[in-house]
Amino acid sequence: MSGFRHIADHLVHQGQVVGFYDAEFETDDGQRFLRDVVRHPGAVSVVAVDGDEVLLVKQYRAPIDADLLEIPAGKLDIAGEDRAVAAARELAEEVGMQAASLEPLIDLYHSPGFCDERQWIYLATDLTPVPMARDGLEEESMEIVRLTTADTVAAVLDGRITDAKSMVGLLAAARHLGW
């Protein structure tokens, strides 16, 4: 370990999803310093494979004022909810599917230079339709997009898919499933 130690968080602003903090740290030789830190509850996402296709969503993302092609995902905003349960819930809400097989695939930190958000990515297979229950304005307007497994990898590599969690999840699924 580096010898750095977290001392305290000083809340600057609490938003609807994240908290913004001046976080105080100390080096192993006692020097103190501050960093801007965003605290996030964490999130789950799902690579949903239906035969030789992957289900994606095209969703508006306000921070970049653009639509992104992504794997279904959502934040861990229900206290005590198991991550796999949250992933199954997001899969049903966003693309109207239930998976007979839902397995952990990979996890990642998006932007650890300023944010503690951790994303757990699951692989969903053996899908069957269920009612969708979209939540929020962006989800109500999202579009389901199906790409073949081969085109999914190409979309990551040619820049059609630029969302980090989706890129990591899709490439991990491609390796895991041998696309």
Protein backbone atom coordinates (compact mmCIF):
# COMPACT_ATOMS: atom_id res chain seq x y z
CA MET A 1 0.00 0.00 0.00
CA SER A 2 1.16 3.55 -0.72
CA GLY A 3 0.95 4.82 2.86
CA PHE A 4 -1.70 7.42 2.07
CA ARG A 5 -4.58 7.69 4.51
CA HIS A 6 -8.08 9.14 4.13
CA ILE A 7 -8.76 11.57 6.99
CA ALA A 8 -12.20 13.09 6.36
CA ASP A 9 -14.85 14.11 3.86
CA HIS A 10 -16.34 17.60 4.02
CA LEU A 11 -19.65 17.78 2.14
CA VAL A 12 -19.81 20.66 -0.34
CA HIS A 13 -23.09 19.70 -2.02
CA GLN A 14 -25.41 16.69 -1.96
CA GLY A 15 -27.13 16.14 -5.30
CA GLN A 16 -29.91 13.73 -6.23
CA VAL A 17 -27.44 10.93 -6.95
CA VAL A 18 -23.95 11.98 -5.92
CA GLY A 19 -22.26 13.96 -3.17
CA PHE A 20 -19.48 16.45 -3.82
CA TYR A 21 -16.77 16.57 -1.16
CA ASP A 22 -13.53 18.23 -0.22
CA ALA A 23 -11.76 15.05 0.89
CA GLU A 24 -8.79 15.31 3.20
CA PHE A 25 -5.86 12.86 2.99
CA GLU A 26 -2.47 12.39 4.61
CA THR A 27 0.77 10.98 3.22
CA ASP A 28 2.88 8.47 5.12
CA ASP A 29 5.16 11.32 6.25
CA GLY A 30 2.25 13.42 7.62
CA GLN A 31 1.61 15.89 4.79
CA ARG A 32 -2.09 16.73 4.49
CA PHE A 33 -3.85 17.56 1.23
CA LEU A 34 -7.35 18.03 -0.22
CA ARG A 35 -8.92 16.50 -3.31
CA ASP A 36 -12.28 17.09 -4.97
CA VAL A 37 -14.16 13.79 -4.66
CA VAL A 38 -17.55 12.72 -5.97
CA ARG A 39 -19.17 9.95 -3.90
CA HIS A 40 -21.53 7.68 -5.87
CA PRO A 41 -23.65 4.75 -4.62
CA GLY A 42 -22.34 2.42 -7.35
CA ALA A 43 -24.10 0.90 -10.32
CA VAL A 44 -24.80 -2.29 -12.21
CA SER A 45 -25.01 -2.94 -15.92
CA VAL A 46 -25.88 -5.91 -18.09
CA VAL A 47 -24.57 -7.35 -21.34
CA ALA A 48 -27.80 -8.94 -22.57
CA VAL A 49 -27.20 -11.62 -25.19
CA ASP A 50 -30.22 -12.90 -27.12
CA GLY A 51 -29.06 -15.62 -29.51
CA ASP A 52 -26.51 -13.99 -31.79
CA GLU A 53 -27.60 -10.46 -30.85
CA VAL A 54 -26.83 -8.05 -28.02
CA LEU A 55 -29.52 -5.73 -26.66
CA LEU A 56 -28.37 -2.15 -26.23
CA VAL A 57 -30.14 1.09 -25.43
CA LYS A 58 -29.76 4.42 -27.17
CA GLN A 59 -30.19 6.95 -24.38
CA TYR A 60 -29.86 10.72 -23.98
CA ARG A 61 -27.12 11.70 -21.54
CA ALA A 62 -27.55 15.24 -20.22
CA PRO A 63 -23.91 15.86 -19.10
CA ILE A 64 -22.69 15.48 -22.69
CA ASP A 65 -25.94 16.62 -24.39
CA ALA A 66 -25.95 13.61 -26.69
CA ASP A 67 -27.40 10.15 -27.20
CA LEU A 68 -25.14 7.21 -26.37
CA LEU A 69 -25.41 3.56 -27.33
CA GLU A 70 -25.02 1.60 -24.09
CA ILE A 71 -25.66 -1.66 -22.30
CA PRO A 72 -28.64 -1.48 -19.87
CA ALA A 73 -27.56 -0.03 -16.53
CA GLY A 74 -28.66 1.69 -13.36
CA LYS A 75 -27.44 2.93 -10.04
CA LEU A 76 -27.58 1.01 -6.78
CA ASP A 77 -30.20 3.25 -5.22
CA ILE A 78 -32.25 0.75 -3.20
CA ALA A 79 -30.68 0.28 0.23
CA GLY A 80 -29.47 -3.28 0.82
CA GLU A 81 -30.44 -4.52 -2.65
CA ASP A 82 -28.23 -7.33 -3.92
CA ARG A 83 -26.26 -6.31 -7.05
CA ALA A 84 -27.53 -9.28 -9.08
CA VAL A 85 -31.11 -8.39 -8.14
CA ALA A 86 -30.46 -4.80 -9.21
CA ALA A 87 -28.99 -6.00 -12.53
CA ALA A 88 -32.06 -8.18 -13.17
CA ARG A 89 -34.32 -5.23 -12.31
CA GLU A 90 -32.49 -2.91 -14.72
CA LEU A 91 -32.64 -5.52 -17.49
CA ALA A 92 -36.41 -5.79 -17.10
CA GLU A 93 -36.96 -2.04 -16.73
CA GLU A 94 -34.89 -0.95 -19.71
CA VAL A 95 -35.22 -3.70 -22.33
CA GLY A 96 -38.11 -5.82 -21.07
CA MET A 97 -36.14 -9.02 -20.61
CA GLN A 98 -35.56 -11.57 -17.86
CA ALA A 99 -32.46 -13.79 -17.87
CA ALA A 100 -32.45 -17.47 -16.96
CA SER A 101 -28.69 -17.03 -16.51
CA LEU A 102 -27.23 -13.90 -14.93
CA GLU A 103 -23.56 -14.12 -14.01
CA PRO A 104 -20.96 -11.59 -12.84
CA LEU A 105 -18.68 -10.66 -15.73
CA ILE A 106 -16.34 -7.84 -14.66
CA ASP A 107 -16.30 -4.68 -12.55
CA LEU A 108 -14.58 -1.34 -12.92
CA TYR A 109 -14.08 2.18 -11.60
CA HIS A 110 -15.13 4.78 -14.19
CA SER A 111 -13.08 7.83 -13.22
CA PRO A 112 -11.10 7.14 -10.04
CA GLY A 113 -9.23 10.42 -10.36
CA PHE A 114 -12.25 12.21 -8.88
CA CYS A 115 -15.12 9.74 -8.38
CA ASP A 116 -15.55 6.53 -6.35
CA GLU A 117 -18.28 5.07 -8.63
CA ARG A 118 -17.85 1.33 -9.08
CA GLN A 119 -19.78 -0.51 -11.77
CA TRP A 120 -20.53 -4.25 -11.60
CA ILE A 121 -21.23 -5.75 -15.03
CA TYR A 122 -23.26 -8.92 -15.49
CA LEU A 123 -23.76 -11.25 -18.45
CA ALA A 124 -27.40 -12.14 -19.11
CA THR A 125 -28.34 -15.05 -21.38
CA ASP A 126 -31.39 -17.23 -22.03
CA LEU A 127 -33.66 -14.19 -22.21
CA THR A 128 -37.44 -14.11 -22.13
CA PRO A 129 -39.68 -11.04 -22.51
CA VAL A 130 -41.23 -9.36 -19.45
CA PRO A 131 -43.06 -6.03 -19.06
CA MET A 132 -40.83 -2.93 -19.12
CA ALA A 133 -41.08 -0.41 -16.29
CA ARG A 134 -38.97 2.52 -17.43
CA ASP A 135 -38.18 5.15 -14.84
CA GLY A 136 -37.41 8.79 -15.64
CA LEU A 137 -37.57 11.00 -18.69
CA GLU A 138 -34.41 9.65 -20.32
CA GLU A 139 -35.50 6.01 -19.94
CA GLU A 140 -39.00 6.78 -21.25
CA SER A 141 -37.40 8.09 -24.45
CA MET A 142 -34.69 5.45 -24.86
CA GLU A 143 -34.62 3.16 -27.87
CA ILE A 144 -33.71 -0.54 -27.81
CA VAL A 145 -31.05 -1.39 -30.39
CA ARG A 146 -30.07 -4.92 -31.36
CA LEU A 147 -26.65 -5.58 -32.85
CA THR A 148 -25.17 -8.90 -33.87
CA THR A 149 -22.37 -10.08 -31.61
CA ALA A 150 -19.83 -9.46 -34.39
CA ASP A 151 -21.17 -5.95 -35.07
CA THR A 152 -21.14 -5.20 -31.34
CA VAL A 153 -17.37 -5.69 -31.13
CA ALA A 154 -16.93 -3.67 -34.33
CA ALA A 155 -19.06 -0.86 -32.83
CA VAL A 156 -16.75 -0.70 -29.82
CA LEU A 157 -13.63 -0.64 -31.98
CA ASP A 158 -14.88 1.86 -34.58
CA GLY A 159 -16.24 4.39 -32.09
CA ARG A 160 -20.01 3.90 -32.41
CA ILE A 161 -19.99 2.80 -28.77
CA THR A 162 -17.99 5.22 -26.61
CA ASP A 163 -19.53 4.61 -23.18
CA ALA A 164 -16.81 3.12 -20.93
CA LYS A 165 -18.92 0.56 -19.05
CA SER A 166 -20.39 -0.66 -22.32
CA MET A 167 -17.00 -0.96 -24.01
CA VAL A 168 -15.51 -2.91 -21.11
CA GLY A 169 -18.58 -5.12 -20.67
CA LEU A 170 -18.98 -5.92 -24.35
CA LEU A 171 -15.30 -6.75 -24.86
CA ALA A 172 -15.31 -8.90 -21.70
CA ALA A 173 -18.42 -10.72 -22.95
CA ALA A 174 -16.84 -11.21 -26.38
CA ARG A 175 -13.82 -12.82 -24.81
CA HIS A 176 -15.91 -14.89 -22.38
CA LEU A 177 -18.27 -16.16 -25.07
CA GLY A 178 -15.75 -16.39 -27.91
CA TRP A 179 -17.29 -13.92 -30.37
